[in-house]
C-alpha atoms as a PDB file:
ATOM      1  CA  MET A   1     -73.899  78.213  31.354  1.00  0.00           C
ATOM      2  CA  ASP A   2     -71.109  80.002  31.219  1.00  0.00           C
ATOM      3  CA  PRO A   3     -68.110  79.600  29.031  1.00  0.00           C
ATOM      4  CA  LEU A   4     -65.486  78.518  32.244  1.00  0.00           C
ATOM      5  CA  VAL A   5     -67.888  76.013  34.011  1.00  0.00           C
ATOM      6  CA  VAL A   6     -67.997  73.012  31.626  1.00  0.00           C
ATOM      7  CA  PRO A   7     -63.955  72.714  31.080  1.00  0.00           C
ATOM      8  CA  ALA A   8     -63.846  73.811  34.648  1.00  0.00           C
ATOM      9  CA  VAL A   9     -66.347  70.297  35.976  1.00  0.00           C
ATOM     10  CA  VAL A  10     -64.723  68.611  33.112  1.00  0.00           C
ATOM     11  CA  ALA A  11     -61.275  68.991  34.374  1.00  0.00           C
ATOM     12  CA  VAL A  12     -62.874  68.078  37.968  1.00  0.00           C
ATOM     13  CA  THR A  13     -64.418  65.328  36.813  1.00  0.00           C
ATOM     14  CA  GLY A  14     -61.515  63.319  34.878  1.00  0.00           C
ATOM     15  CA  LEU A  15     -59.078  64.413  37.919  1.00  0.00           C
ATOM     16  CA  ALA A  16     -62.230  62.250  40.159  1.00  0.00           C
ATOM     17  CA  ALA A  17     -62.053  60.017  38.170  1.00  0.00           C
ATOM     18  CA  ARG A  18     -57.487  59.320  38.423  1.00  0.00           C
ATOM     19  CA  VAL A  19     -57.981  59.636  41.949  1.00  0.00           C
ATOM     20  CA  ALA A  20     -60.495  57.050  42.474  1.00  0.00           C
ATOM     21  CA  ALA A  21     -57.936  54.989  40.039  1.00  0.00           C
ATOM     22  CA  VAL A  22     -55.043  55.751  42.222  1.00  0.00           C
ATOM     23  CA  LEU A  23     -56.963  54.166  45.418  1.00  0.00           C
ATOM     24  CA  CYS A  24     -58.859  51.505  43.864  1.00  0.00           C
ATOM     25  CA  GLN A  25     -54.704  50.536  43.202  1.00  0.00           C
ATOM     26  CA  TYR A  26     -54.070  51.437  46.292  1.00  0.00           C
ATOM     27  CA  LEU A  27     -56.992  48.992  47.989  1.00  0.00           C
ATOM     28  CA  ARG A  28     -55.941  46.222  45.752  1.00  0.00           C
ATOM     29  CA  LEU A  29     -52.112  46.461  46.736  1.00  0.00           C
ATOM     30  CA  ARG A  30     -52.339  46.811  49.879  1.00  0.00           C
ATOM     31  CA  TRP A  31     -54.924  43.492  50.047  1.00  0.00           C
ATOM     32  CA  ARG A  32     -52.530  41.547  48.069  1.00  0.00           C
ATOM     33  CA  VAL A  33     -49.824  42.271  50.181  1.00  0.00           C
ATOM     34  CA  ARG A  34     -52.007  41.449  53.777  1.00  0.00           C
ATOM     35  CA  GLN A  35     -53.328  37.961  51.314  1.00  0.00           C
ATOM     36  CA  GLU A  36     -48.820  36.873  50.949  1.00  0.00           C
ATOM     37  CA  HIS A  37     -48.255  38.060  54.675  1.00  0.00           C
ATOM     38  CA  ALA A  38     -50.351  35.244  55.518  1.00  0.00           C
ATOM     39  CA  HIS A  39     -49.092  32.913  53.237  1.00  0.00           C
ATOM     40  CA  ARG A  40     -45.663  33.885  54.538  1.00  0.00           C
ATOM     41  CA  GLU A  41     -46.247  32.879  58.354  1.00  0.00           C
ATOM     42  CA  TYR A  42     -48.227  29.399  56.810  1.00  0.00           C
ATOM     43  CA  VAL A  43     -45.518  28.569  55.044  1.00  0.00           C
ATOM     44  CA  GLU A  44     -42.974  29.582  57.691  1.00  0.00           C
ATOM     45  CA  ALA A  45     -45.591  27.518  60.805  1.00  0.00           C
ATOM     46  CA  LEU A  46     -45.452  24.446  57.868  1.00  0.00           C
ATOM     47  CA  ALA A  47     -41.498  24.388  57.984  1.00  0.00           C
ATOM     48  CA  ARG A  48     -41.132  24.312  61.327  1.00  0.00           C
ATOM     49  CA  SER A  49     -43.824  21.358  61.700  1.00  0.00           C
ATOM     50  CA  LEU A  50     -42.312  19.491  59.376  1.00  0.00           C
ATOM     51  CA  PRO A  51     -39.601  16.965  60.302  1.00  0.00           C
ATOM     52  CA  ARG A  52     -35.646  17.002  58.999  1.00  0.00           C
ATOM     53  CA  GLY A  53     -35.751  15.274  55.275  1.00  0.00           C
ATOM     54  CA  SER A  54     -38.997  16.271  54.611  1.00  0.00           C
ATOM     55  CA  ARG A  55     -39.839  17.906  50.920  1.00  0.00           C
ATOM     56  CA  LEU A  56     -42.983  20.355  50.507  1.00  0.00           C
ATOM     57  CA  VAL A  57     -44.196  21.360  46.960  1.00  0.00           C
ATOM     58  CA  GLU A  58     -46.763  23.217  46.738  1.00  0.00           C
ATOM     59  CA  VAL A  59     -48.041  24.333  43.139  1.00  0.00           C
ATOM     60  CA  HIS A  60     -49.877  27.729  42.658  1.00  0.00           C
ATOM     61  CA  PRO A  61     -52.880  28.524  40.503  1.00  0.00           C
ATOM     62  CA  ASP A  62     -50.546  30.646  37.683  1.00  0.00           C
ATOM     63  CA  GLY A  63     -48.265  27.388  37.166  1.00  0.00           C
ATOM     64  CA  SER A  64     -45.408  28.325  39.469  1.00  0.00           C
ATOM     65  CA  GLU A  65     -44.335  26.466  42.712  1.00  0.00           C
ATOM     66  CA  LEU A  66     -42.645  26.463  46.112  1.00  0.00           C
ATOM     67  CA  ARG A  67     -40.084  24.363  46.450  1.00  0.00           C
ATOM     68  CA  LEU A  68     -38.800  24.267  50.571  1.00  0.00           C
ATOM     69  CA  THR A  69     -36.290  21.164  51.431  1.00  0.00           C
ATOM     70  CA  ILE A  70     -36.012  20.893  55.826  1.00  0.00           C
ATOM     71  CA  PRO A  71     -32.517  19.595  55.780  1.00  0.00           C
ATOM     72  CA  PRO A  72     -31.552  16.665  57.409  1.00  0.00           C
ATOM     73  CA  LEU A  73     -29.590  16.410  60.361  1.00  0.00           C
ATOM     74  CA  PRO A  74     -25.780  16.172  60.575  1.00  0.00           C
ATOM     75  CA  ASN A  75     -24.706  12.646  61.937  1.00  0.00           C
ATOM     76  CA  ARG A  76     -22.749  11.904  64.954  1.00  0.00           C
ATOM     77  CA  ARG A  77     -19.039  11.966  63.252  1.00  0.00           C
ATOM     78  CA  GLY A  78     -20.094  15.585  61.348  1.00  0.00           C
ATOM     79  CA  GLY A  79     -21.397  14.246  58.009  1.00  0.00           C
ATOM     80  CA  GLN A  80     -24.316  14.357  56.319  1.00  0.00           C
ATOM     81  CA  HIS A  81     -27.161  11.027  56.202  1.00  0.00           C
ATOM     82  CA  ARG A  82     -27.314   9.923  53.294  1.00  0.00           C
END
């Protein structure tokens, strides 16, 4: 074999592995963004359907929480309901 072929093949293989890793990361992030977008739309629709004064608590598997409170309508005198 030519002494230049082996280093060239190694370099091309390393480059191909890096390109594949970057492509996999891009696809993974793209999937995550789509999942987050769908979840946001779901929470927005849910928030619109809840009556005033409601609370929503969503606990995620990682232990984080989403807490949402729909404020009550103000009374006719301009104050808040208690």
